[in-house]
């Protein structure tokens, strides 16, 4: 099966998130970097076993969790600080806080996934607050061309949010945050 994802693309899309996650789980920066390298060696060696490319993120986070578990198993029980139940804790936060954190986390990932020709104009316009006429001039584009790219970027992000578990609600009105593999990777 031919995948659009290769290890280089996966590194670009996920390495920053994984490293940040690891830094929150292990005390030493060098240990986090070593784990990150081990994880990507495992991804490289196992990518051909991935059956459904749409399940790439959960598959990667499974490798991350397993690698952390192995890391702490190698340490003596007295020094083990990894608690799989504490991956993300929102216990003291309100549902609105959880939802906002979800949306914010997912938005960063979705912006990073945009093709460059849409990402850069969108970031300059909607995040940095520059005037679209100035951006068009800076990027050597027509004003209408730039407006079109910004709108297309917004539409692409909207589509990603429509598919995001954070946007779903159960019959009681609870957010689907717990099912979101982007801001809350699934537990074992």
Protein backbone atom coordinates (compact mmCIF):
# COMPACT_ATOMS: atom_id res chain seq x y z
CA UNK A 1 0.00 0.00 0.00
CA UNK A 2 1.33 3.46 -0.93
CA UNK A 3 1.07 6.03 1.85
CA UNK A 4 1.12 9.79 1.50
CA UNK A 5 2.89 9.83 4.86
CA UNK A 6 6.53 8.91 5.08
CA UNK A 7 8.80 9.25 8.09
CA UNK A 8 9.98 12.70 6.98
CA UNK A 9 6.41 13.98 6.72
CA UNK A 10 5.50 12.35 10.02
CA UNK A 11 8.54 13.95 11.67
CA UNK A 12 7.52 17.36 10.35
CA UNK A 13 3.92 17.00 11.51
CA UNK A 14 4.31 15.23 14.86
CA UNK A 15 7.85 15.56 16.29
CA UNK A 16 7.22 18.88 18.05
CA UNK A 17 4.02 17.64 19.68
CA UNK A 18 5.62 14.36 20.72
CA UNK A 19 8.72 16.06 22.12
CA UNK A 20 6.58 18.47 24.13
CA UNK A 21 4.54 15.57 25.47
CA UNK A 22 7.71 13.66 26.39
CA UNK A 23 9.22 16.67 28.15
CA UNK A 24 6.16 16.73 30.37
CA UNK A 25 6.58 13.04 31.22
CA UNK A 26 10.32 12.66 31.86
CA UNK A 27 12.59 14.88 33.95
CA UNK A 28 15.64 14.97 31.73
CA UNK A 29 15.65 16.75 28.36
CA UNK A 30 18.24 14.25 27.09
CA UNK A 31 15.95 11.34 28.03
CA UNK A 32 13.07 12.97 26.14
CA UNK A 33 15.29 13.44 23.08
CA UNK A 34 16.48 9.82 23.28
CA UNK A 35 12.89 8.62 23.56
CA UNK A 36 11.88 10.77 20.60
CA UNK A 37 14.62 9.19 18.52
CA UNK A 38 13.58 5.68 19.61
CA UNK A 39 9.96 6.43 18.78
CA UNK A 40 10.83 7.53 15.26
CA UNK A 41 12.99 4.46 14.75
CA UNK A 42 9.94 2.37 15.72
CA UNK A 43 7.71 4.41 13.40
CA UNK A 44 10.16 3.95 10.53
CA UNK A 45 10.39 0.21 11.15
CA UNK A 46 6.65 -0.30 11.51
CA UNK A 47 5.07 2.17 9.07
CA UNK A 48 4.41 -0.61 6.56
CA UNK A 49 2.22 -2.38 9.15
CA UNK A 50 -0.22 0.54 9.41
CA UNK A 51 -3.41 -0.71 7.76
CA UNK A 52 -5.43 2.51 7.70
CA UNK A 53 -3.59 5.75 7.04
CA UNK A 54 -6.51 7.67 8.55
CA UNK A 55 -5.52 6.16 11.91
CA UNK A 56 -1.96 7.48 11.74
CA UNK A 57 -2.21 9.81 14.78
CA UNK A 58 -3.66 7.19 17.16
CA UNK A 59 -1.10 4.67 15.89
CA UNK A 60 1.75 7.11 16.60
CA UNK A 61 0.45 7.96 20.06
CA UNK A 62 0.20 4.26 20.85
CA UNK A 63 3.91 3.96 20.01
CA UNK A 64 4.62 6.98 22.22
CA UNK A 65 2.71 5.53 25.19
CA UNK A 66 4.33 2.12 24.78
CA UNK A 67 7.77 3.72 24.60
CA UNK A 68 7.12 5.71 27.78
CA UNK A 69 5.88 2.59 29.54
CA UNK A 70 9.02 0.71 28.48
CA UNK A 71 11.19 3.62 29.59
CA UNK A 72 9.74 3.55 33.10
CA UNK A 73 9.75 -0.23 33.34
CA UNK A 74 13.52 -0.13 32.85
CA UNK A 75 13.83 2.18 35.84
CA UNK A 76 13.50 0.90 39.37
CA UNK A 77 9.99 1.07 40.90
CA UNK A 78 11.12 3.75 43.35
CA UNK A 79 11.98 6.20 40.58
CA UNK A 80 8.98 5.58 38.39
CA UNK A 81 6.97 8.75 38.02
CA UNK A 82 4.98 7.97 34.90
CA UNK A 83 1.28 7.58 35.47
CA UNK A 84 -0.65 6.64 32.35
CA UNK A 85 -3.85 7.98 33.89
CA UNK A 86 -2.36 11.48 34.15
CA UNK A 87 -1.78 12.18 30.47
CA UNK A 88 -4.04 15.23 30.52
CA UNK A 89 -6.00 16.31 33.56
CA UNK A 90 -8.82 18.79 33.37
CA UNK A 91 -10.42 17.83 36.70
CA UNK A 92 -10.41 21.34 38.16
CA UNK A 93 -11.41 23.06 34.94
CA UNK A 94 -14.90 23.86 33.77
CA UNK A 95 -16.33 22.31 30.60
CA UNK A 96 -15.78 25.66 28.84
CA UNK A 97 -12.08 25.60 29.87
CA UNK A 98 -11.71 22.07 28.54
CA UNK A 99 -13.45 22.97 25.30
CA UNK A 100 -11.27 26.09 24.84
CA UNK A 101 -8.10 24.13 25.49
CA UNK A 102 -9.24 21.49 23.00
CA UNK A 103 -10.07 23.98 20.28
CA UNK A 104 -6.82 25.85 20.82
CA UNK A 105 -4.72 22.68 20.69
CA UNK A 106 -6.47 21.38 17.62
CA UNK A 107 -6.32 24.74 15.85
CA UNK A 108 -2.52 24.82 16.11
CA UNK A 109 -2.32 21.34 14.59
CA UNK A 110 -4.81 22.19 11.84
CA UNK A 111 -2.94 25.36 10.87
CA UNK A 112 0.29 23.35 10.66
CA UNK A 113 -1.45 20.89 8.32
CA UNK A 114 -2.45 23.57 5.81
CA UNK A 115 -0.48 23.71 2.57
CA UNK A 116 2.06 26.54 2.78
CA UNK A 117 0.29 28.63 0.11
CA UNK A 118 -2.75 28.87 2.42
CA UNK A 119 -1.02 28.69 5.81
CA UNK A 120 1.24 31.71 5.45
CA UNK A 121 -1.46 34.18 4.31
CA UNK A 122 -3.87 32.89 6.96
CA UNK A 123 -1.32 33.20 9.78
CA UNK A 124 -0.25 36.67 8.69
CA UNK A 125 -3.85 37.86 8.37
CA UNK A 126 -5.78 36.08 11.10
CA UNK A 127 -3.13 35.44 13.73
CA UNK A 128 -0.59 38.23 13.31
CA UNK A 129 -3.30 40.72 12.36
CA UNK A 130 -1.60 42.22 9.32
CA UNK A 131 -3.73 43.99 6.73
CA UNK A 132 -4.51 41.79 3.75
CA UNK A 133 -3.44 44.51 1.28
CA UNK A 134 -0.02 44.63 2.95
CA UNK A 135 0.26 40.85 2.92
CA UNK A 136 -0.67 40.72 -0.78
CA UNK A 137 2.05 43.23 -1.57
CA UNK A 138 4.59 41.41 0.61
CA UNK A 139 3.80 38.05 -1.02
CA UNK A 140 3.66 39.52 -4.52
CA UNK A 141 0.02 38.47 -4.98
CA UNK A 142 -3.05 40.32 -6.16
CA UNK A 143 -5.31 41.50 -3.36
CA UNK A 144 -8.14 39.26 -4.57
CA UNK A 145 -5.74 36.31 -4.87
CA UNK A 146 -4.61 36.77 -1.29
CA UNK A 147 -8.18 37.12 -0.03
CA UNK A 148 -9.02 33.90 -1.84
CA UNK A 149 -6.11 32.05 -0.21
CA UNK A 150 -7.03 33.28 3.27
CA UNK A 151 -10.64 32.22 2.74
CA UNK A 152 -9.60 28.82 1.36
CA UNK A 153 -7.35 28.31 4.41
CA UNK A 154 -10.24 29.17 6.72
CA UNK A 155 -12.50 26.75 4.85
CA UNK A 156 -9.91 23.96 5.13
CA UNK A 157 -9.59 24.52 8.88
CA UNK A 158 -13.38 24.55 9.21
CA UNK A 159 -13.49 21.15 7.44
CA UNK A 160 -10.85 19.78 9.81
CA UNK A 161 -12.85 21.00 12.81
CA UNK A 162 -16.01 19.40 11.44
CA UNK A 163 -14.17 16.06 11.51
CA UNK A 164 -12.66 16.69 14.96
CA UNK A 165 -14.01 14.77 17.95
CA UNK A 166 -13.82 17.95 20.06
CA UNK A 167 -16.69 19.39 18.06
CA UNK A 168 -19.01 16.47 18.69
CA UNK A 169 -21.35 16.20 21.64
CA UNK A 170 -23.13 13.27 23.20
CA UNK A 171 -26.84 13.25 24.07
CA UNK A 172 -26.03 14.98 27.40
CA UNK A 173 -24.21 17.85 25.68
CA UNK A 174 -20.73 16.71 26.74
CA UNK A 175 -17.83 17.48 24.40
CA UNK A 176 -16.12 14.67 22.53
CA UNK A 177 -12.76 15.88 23.93
CA UNK A 178 -11.91 12.50 25.40
CA UNK A 179 -12.07 10.98 21.90
CA UNK A 180 -9.88 13.59 20.22
CA UNK A 181 -6.58 12.05 19.15
CA UNK A 182 -5.08 15.48 18.54
CA UNK A 183 -5.42 17.21 21.90
CA UNK A 184 -6.05 14.10 24.00
CA UNK A 185 -4.34 11.03 22.52
CA UNK A 186 -6.21 7.82 23.43
CA UNK A 187 -4.99 5.75 26.38
CA UNK A 188 -3.91 2.10 26.06
